[in-house]
PDB file of N, CA and C in Angstrom:
ATOM      1  N   MET A   1     -24.427   0.359 -23.277  1.00  0.00           N
ATOM      2  CA  MET A   1     -23.057  -0.291 -23.099  1.00  0.00           C
ATOM      3  C   MET A   1     -23.122  -0.662 -21.690  1.00  0.00           C
ATOM      4  N   LYS A   2     -22.646  -1.705 -21.254  1.00  0.00           N
ATOM      5  CA  LYS A   2     -22.489  -2.273 -19.778  1.00  0.00           C
ATOM      6  C   LYS A   2     -21.381  -2.541 -19.452  1.00  0.00           C
ATOM      7  N   LEU A   3     -20.474  -2.009 -19.226  1.00  0.00           N
ATOM      8  CA  LEU A   3     -18.656  -2.364 -18.746  1.00  0.00           C
ATOM      9  C   LEU A   3     -18.481  -3.106 -17.224  1.00  0.00           C
ATOM     10  N   SER A   4     -17.466  -4.060 -17.632  1.00  0.00           N
ATOM     11  CA  SER A   4     -17.637  -5.202 -16.367  1.00  0.00           C
ATOM     12  C   SER A   4     -16.452  -5.770 -16.210  1.00  0.00           C
ATOM     13  N   PHE A   5     -15.656  -6.508 -15.045  1.00  0.00           N
ATOM     14  CA  PHE A   5     -14.320  -6.502 -15.041  1.00  0.00           C
ATOM     15  C   PHE A   5     -14.247  -8.291 -15.529  1.00  0.00           C
ATOM     16  N   GLY A   6     -13.577  -8.516 -15.985  1.00  0.00           N
ATOM     17  CA  GLY A   6     -13.545  -9.763 -16.534  1.00  0.00           C
ATOM     18  C   GLY A   6     -12.740 -10.797 -15.230  1.00  0.00           C
ATOM     19  N   PRO A   7     -12.721 -11.912 -15.676  1.00  0.00           N
ATOM     20  CA  PRO A   7     -12.388 -13.060 -13.977  1.00  0.00           C
ATOM     21  C   PRO A   7     -11.031 -12.623 -13.694  1.00  0.00           C
ATOM     22  N   ASP A   8     -10.127 -12.486 -14.581  1.00  0.00           N
ATOM     23  CA  ASP A   8      -8.930 -12.216 -14.229  1.00  0.00           C
ATOM     24  C   ASP A   8      -8.602 -11.350 -13.370  1.00  0.00           C
ATOM     25  N   ASP A   9      -9.279  -9.988 -13.808  1.00  0.00           N
ATOM     26  CA  ASP A   9      -9.696  -8.480 -13.260  1.00  0.00           C
ATOM     27  C   ASP A   9      -9.878  -8.718 -11.610  1.00  0.00           C
ATOM     28  N   GLU A  10     -11.171  -9.328 -11.560  1.00  0.00           N
ATOM     29  CA  GLU A  10     -11.671 -10.032 -10.472  1.00  0.00           C
ATOM     30  C   GLU A  10     -10.881 -10.528  -9.406  1.00  0.00           C
ATOM     31  N   ARG A  11      -9.868 -11.649  -9.922  1.00  0.00           N
ATOM     32  CA  ARG A  11      -9.064 -12.278  -9.343  1.00  0.00           C
ATOM     33  C   ARG A  11      -7.942 -11.624  -8.852  1.00  0.00           C
ATOM     34  N   PHE A  12      -7.588 -10.765  -9.293  1.00  0.00           N
ATOM     35  CA  PHE A  12      -6.328  -9.948  -9.044  1.00  0.00           C
ATOM     36  C   PHE A  12      -7.089  -9.030  -7.846  1.00  0.00           C
ATOM     37  N   ARG A  13      -8.278  -8.293  -8.237  1.00  0.00           N
ATOM     38  CA  ARG A  13      -8.936  -7.488  -7.107  1.00  0.00           C
ATOM     39  C   ARG A  13      -8.800  -8.219  -6.099  1.00  0.00           C
ATOM     40  N   ALA A  14      -9.426  -9.247  -5.497  1.00  0.00           N
ATOM     41  CA  ALA A  14      -9.623 -10.286  -4.758  1.00  0.00           C
ATOM     42  C   ALA A  14      -8.208 -10.358  -4.089  1.00  0.00           C
ATOM     43  N   GLU A  15      -7.178 -10.945  -4.542  1.00  0.00           N
ATOM     44  CA  GLU A  15      -5.765 -10.901  -4.352  1.00  0.00           C
ATOM     45  C   GLU A  15      -5.586  -9.758  -3.328  1.00  0.00           C
ATOM     46  N   LEU A  16      -5.352  -8.694  -4.056  1.00  0.00           N
ATOM     47  CA  LEU A  16      -5.282  -7.099  -3.707  1.00  0.00           C
ATOM     48  C   LEU A  16      -5.595  -7.170  -2.013  1.00  0.00           C
ATOM     49  N   LEU A  17      -7.100  -6.992  -2.526  1.00  0.00           N
ATOM     50  CA  LEU A  17      -7.947  -6.546  -0.991  1.00  0.00           C
ATOM     51  C   LEU A  17      -7.101  -7.563  -0.136  1.00  0.00           C
ATOM     52  N   ALA A  18      -7.523  -8.808  -0.155  1.00  0.00           N
ATOM     53  CA  ALA A  18      -6.765  -9.779   0.729  1.00  0.00           C
ATOM     54  C   ALA A  18      -5.282  -9.263   1.290  1.00  0.00           C
ATOM     55  N   PHE A  19      -4.889  -9.176   0.331  1.00  0.00           N
ATOM     56  CA  PHE A  19      -3.073  -9.005   0.886  1.00  0.00           C
ATOM     57  C   PHE A  19      -3.281  -7.425   2.164  1.00  0.00           C
ATOM     58  N   LEU A  20      -4.194  -6.699   1.477  1.00  0.00           N
ATOM     59  CA  LEU A  20      -4.407  -5.460   2.189  1.00  0.00           C
ATOM     60  C   LEU A  20      -4.746  -5.737   3.391  1.00  0.00           C
ATOM     61  N   GLU A  21      -6.106  -6.286   3.456  1.00  0.00           N
ATOM     62  CA  GLU A  21      -6.608  -6.889   4.919  1.00  0.00           C
ATOM     63  C   GLU A  21      -5.944  -7.422   5.906  1.00  0.00           C
ATOM     64  N   GLU A  22      -4.956  -7.932   5.341  1.00  0.00           N
ATOM     65  CA  GLU A  22      -3.881  -8.631   6.089  1.00  0.00           C
ATOM     66  C   GLU A  22      -2.602  -7.950   6.460  1.00  0.00           C
ATOM     67  N   HIS A  23      -2.014  -7.306   5.469  1.00  0.00           N
ATOM     68  CA  HIS A  23      -0.879  -6.581   6.118  1.00  0.00           C
ATOM     69  C   HIS A  23      -1.048  -4.772   6.136  1.00  0.00           C
ATOM     70  N   ALA A  24      -2.010  -4.664   5.766  1.00  0.00           N
ATOM     71  CA  ALA A  24      -1.654  -2.929   6.040  1.00  0.00           C
ATOM     72  C   ALA A  24      -1.678  -2.618   7.217  1.00  0.00           C
ATOM     73  N   PRO A  25      -0.800  -1.692   7.608  1.00  0.00           N
ATOM     74  CA  PRO A  25      -0.463  -1.106   8.801  1.00  0.00           C
ATOM     75  C   PRO A  25      -1.544  -0.265   9.383  1.00  0.00           C
ATOM     76  N   PRO A  26      -2.116  -0.325  10.660  1.00  0.00           N
ATOM     77  CA  PRO A  26      -3.427   0.458  10.897  1.00  0.00           C
ATOM     78  C   PRO A  26      -3.138   2.304  10.401  1.00  0.00           C
ATOM     79  N   GLU A  27      -1.522   2.603  10.486  1.00  0.00           N
ATOM     80  CA  GLU A  27      -1.155   3.886   9.975  1.00  0.00           C
ATOM     81  C   GLU A  27      -2.006   4.307   8.542  1.00  0.00           C
ATOM     82  N   ALA A  28      -1.775   3.392   7.883  1.00  0.00           N
ATOM     83  CA  ALA A  28      -2.086   3.244   6.372  1.00  0.00           C
ATOM     84  C   ALA A  28      -3.474   4.130   6.245  1.00  0.00           C
ATOM     85  N   GLY A  29      -4.366   3.779   7.324  1.00  0.00           N
ATOM     86  CA  GLY A  29      -5.899   4.190   6.908  1.00  0.00           C
ATOM     87  C   GLY A  29      -6.293   5.741   7.371  1.00  0.00           C
ATOM     88  N   LYS A  30      -5.439   6.506   8.049  1.00  0.00           N
ATOM     89  CA  LYS A  30      -5.119   7.862   8.468  1.00  0.00           C
ATOM     90  C   LYS A  30      -4.275   8.572   7.501  1.00  0.00           C
ATOM     91  N   PRO A  31      -4.908  10.186   7.556  1.00  0.00           N
ATOM     92  CA  PRO A  31      -4.134  10.962   6.740  1.00  0.00           C
ATOM     93  C   PRO A  31      -2.885  11.342   7.060  1.00  0.00           C
ATOM     94  N   TYR A  32      -2.020  11.373   6.099  1.00  0.00           N
ATOM     95  CA  TYR A  32      -0.669  11.430   6.524  1.00  0.00           C
ATOM     96  C   TYR A  32      -0.108  12.620   5.841  1.00  0.00           C
ATOM     97  N   ASP A  33       0.276  13.697   5.882  1.00  0.00           N
ATOM     98  CA  ASP A  33       1.114  14.748   5.367  1.00  0.00           C
ATOM     99  C   ASP A  33       2.427  14.776   5.051  1.00  0.00           C
ATOM    100  N   VAL A  34       2.950  14.599   4.143  1.00  0.00           N
ATOM    101  CA  VAL A  34       4.314  14.991   4.068  1.00  0.00           C
ATOM    102  C   VAL A  34       5.335  15.831   4.403  1.00  0.00           C
ATOM    103  N   ILE A  35       4.748  16.582   5.093  1.00  0.00           N
ATOM    104  CA  ILE A  35       5.228  18.210   5.539  1.00  0.00           C
ATOM    105  C   ILE A  35       5.222  17.860   6.728  1.00  0.00           C
ATOM    106  N   ASP A  36       4.620  16.953   7.357  1.00  0.00           N
ATOM    107  CA  ASP A  36       4.494  16.735   8.922  1.00  0.00           C
ATOM    108  C   ASP A  36       5.854  15.363   8.960  1.00  0.00           C
ATOM    109  N   LEU A  37       7.159  16.335  10.180  1.00  0.00           N
ATOM    110  CA  LEU A  37       7.851  14.950  10.376  1.00  0.00           C
ATOM    111  C   LEU A  37       7.258  14.398  11.073  1.00  0.00           C
ATOM    112  N   ALA A  38       7.843  13.137  10.944  1.00  0.00           N
ATOM    113  CA  ALA A  38       7.852  11.973  12.052  1.00  0.00           C
ATOM    114  C   ALA A  38       8.741  11.996  12.932  1.00  0.00           C
ATOM    115  N   PRO A  39       8.088  11.430  14.372  1.00  0.00           N
ATOM    116  CA  PRO A  39       8.713  11.834  15.536  1.00  0.00           C
ATOM    117  C   PRO A  39      10.456  11.845  15.882  1.00  0.00           C
ATOM    118  N   ASP A  40      10.915  10.629  14.997  1.00  0.00           N
ATOM    119  CA  ASP A  40      12.468  10.752  14.929  1.00  0.00           C
ATOM    120  C   ASP A  40      12.965  11.704  13.718  1.00  0.00           C
ATOM    121  N   GLY A  41      12.405  12.743  13.458  1.00  0.00           N
ATOM    122  CA  GLY A  41      12.998  13.871  12.344  1.00  0.00           C
ATOM    123  C   GLY A  41      12.863  13.502  11.039  1.00  0.00           C
ATOM    124  N   GLU A  42      12.509  12.306  10.703  1.00  0.00           N
ATOM    125  CA  GLU A  42      12.747  11.675   9.503  1.00  0.00           C
ATOM    126  C   GLU A  42      11.222  12.101   8.686  1.00  0.00           C
ATOM    127  N   ILE A  43      11.331  12.679   7.082  1.00  0.00           N
ATOM    128  CA  ILE A  43      10.211  13.295   6.626  1.00  0.00           C
ATOM    129  C   ILE A  43       9.062  11.694   6.208  1.00  0.00           C
ATOM    130  N   ILE A  44       9.938  10.467   5.982  1.00  0.00           N
ATOM    131  CA  ILE A  44       9.219   9.333   5.869  1.00  0.00           C
ATOM    132  C   ILE A  44       9.431   8.634   7.308  1.00  0.00           C
ATOM    133  N   PRO A  45       7.984   8.410   7.640  1.00  0.00           N
ATOM    134  CA  PRO A  45       8.354   7.733   8.871  1.00  0.00           C
ATOM    135  C   PRO A  45       8.319   6.418   8.745  1.00  0.00           C
ATOM    136  N   GLU A  46       9.083   5.754   9.754  1.00  0.00           N
ATOM    137  CA  GLU A  46       9.691   4.212  10.169  1.00  0.00           C
ATOM    138  C   GLU A  46       8.533   3.313   9.420  1.00  0.00           C
ATOM    139  N   TRP A  47       7.155   3.246   9.696  1.00  0.00           N
ATOM    140  CA  TRP A  47       6.413   2.627   9.570  1.00  0.00           C
ATOM    141  C   TRP A  47       5.868   2.917   8.260  1.00  0.00           C
ATOM    142  N   LEU A  48       6.176   3.798   7.548  1.00  0.00           N
ATOM    143  CA  LEU A  48       5.552   4.161   6.337  1.00  0.00           C
ATOM    144  C   LEU A  48       6.758   2.984   5.418  1.00  0.00           C
ATOM    145  N   ARG A  49       8.126   3.435   5.824  1.00  0.00           N
ATOM    146  CA  ARG A  49       9.008   2.941   4.952  1.00  0.00           C
ATOM    147  C   ARG A  49       9.066   0.879   5.081  1.00  0.00           C
ATOM    148  N   ALA A  50       8.903   0.858   6.461  1.00  0.00           N
ATOM    149  CA  ALA A  50       8.449  -0.921   6.446  1.00  0.00           C
ATOM    150  C   ALA A  50       7.401  -1.218   5.569  1.00  0.00           C
ATOM    151  N   TRP A  51       6.114  -0.315   5.251  1.00  0.00           N
ATOM    152  CA  TRP A  51       5.249  -0.722   4.634  1.00  0.00           C
ATOM    153  C   TRP A  51       5.624  -0.828   3.158  1.00  0.00           C
ATOM    154  N   GLN A  52       6.164  -0.034   2.493  1.00  0.00           N
ATOM    155  CA  GLN A  52       6.501  -0.008   1.245  1.00  0.00           C
ATOM    156  C   GLN A  52       7.571  -1.125   1.163  1.00  0.00           C
ATOM    157  N   ALA A  53       8.422  -1.470   1.886  1.00  0.00           N
ATOM    158  CA  ALA A  53       9.177  -2.478   1.869  1.00  0.00           C
ATOM    159  C   ALA A  53       8.431  -4.022   1.706  1.00  0.00           C
ATOM    160  N   LYS A  54       7.118  -3.781   2.585  1.00  0.00           N
ATOM    161  CA  LYS A  54       6.630  -5.175   2.334  1.00  0.00           C
ATOM    162  C   LYS A  54       6.033  -5.293   1.219  1.00  0.00           C
ATOM    163  N   LEU A  55       5.332  -4.496   0.646  1.00  0.00           N
ATOM    164  CA  LEU A  55       4.618  -4.421  -0.331  1.00  0.00           C
ATOM    165  C   LEU A  55       5.856  -4.437  -1.770  1.00  0.00           C
ATOM    166  N   PHE A  56       7.078  -3.855  -1.394  1.00  0.00           N
ATOM    167  CA  PHE A  56       8.132  -4.479  -2.468  1.00  0.00           C
ATOM    168  C   PHE A  56       8.121  -5.970  -2.514  1.00  0.00           C
ATOM    169  N   ASP A  57       8.157  -6.129  -1.121  1.00  0.00           N
ATOM    170  CA  ASP A  57       8.744  -7.961  -1.019  1.00  0.00           C
ATOM    171  C   ASP A  57       7.854  -8.768  -1.631  1.00  0.00           C
ATOM    172  N   ASN A  58       6.280  -8.400  -1.439  1.00  0.00           N
ATOM    173  CA  ASN A  58       5.451  -8.905  -2.179  1.00  0.00           C
ATOM    174  C   ASN A  58       5.146  -8.592  -3.602  1.00  0.00           C
ATOM    175  N   GLY A  59       5.621  -7.728  -4.052  1.00  0.00           N
ATOM    176  CA  GLY A  59       5.341  -7.953  -5.699  1.00  0.00           C
ATOM    177  C   GLY A  59       4.397  -6.620  -6.048  1.00  0.00           C
ATOM    178  N   TRP A  60       4.193  -6.206  -4.868  1.00  0.00           N
ATOM    179  CA  TRP A  60       2.982  -5.058  -5.063  1.00  0.00           C
ATOM    180  C   TRP A  60       3.759  -3.805  -5.537  1.00  0.00           C
ATOM    181  N   MET A  61       4.794  -3.525  -5.282  1.00  0.00           N
ATOM    182  CA  MET A  61       5.235  -2.081  -5.320  1.00  0.00           C
ATOM    183  C   MET A  61       6.687  -2.634  -6.494  1.00  0.00           C
ATOM    184  N   ILE A  62       7.203  -1.459  -7.349  1.00  0.00           N
ATOM    185  CA  ILE A  62       8.474  -1.795  -7.993  1.00  0.00           C
ATOM    186  C   ILE A  62       8.943  -0.576  -7.741  1.00  0.00           C
ATOM    187  N   PRO A  63      10.533  -0.626  -8.125  1.00  0.00           N
ATOM    188  CA  PRO A  63      11.084   0.951  -8.022  1.00  0.00           C
ATOM    189  C   PRO A  63      10.846   1.991  -8.835  1.00  0.00           C
ATOM    190  N   GLY A  64      10.755   3.273  -7.891  1.00  0.00           N
ATOM    191  CA  GLY A  64      10.585   4.389  -8.693  1.00  0.00           C
ATOM    192  C   GLY A  64      11.863   4.675  -9.750  1.00  0.00           C
ATOM    193  N   TYR A  65      12.048   5.367 -10.650  1.00  0.00           N
ATOM    194  CA  TYR A  65      12.675   5.658 -11.622  1.00  0.00           C
ATOM    195  C   TYR A  65      12.525   7.023 -11.782  1.00  0.00           C
TER     196      TYR A  65
END
């Protein structure tokens, strides 16, 4: 059996990769431990909040429940 992605899956994957290449902040590629505090004392650093907002604004993230 040979499994493969269909054309819709490949389009989705290409769209996501293009978005990430264009918009992902450099900090996103580095290890981040939530135990480490950001310089301003916040557990979630500002760059991560901005990244989450960008993902949400572009339809790549939904609110958690």
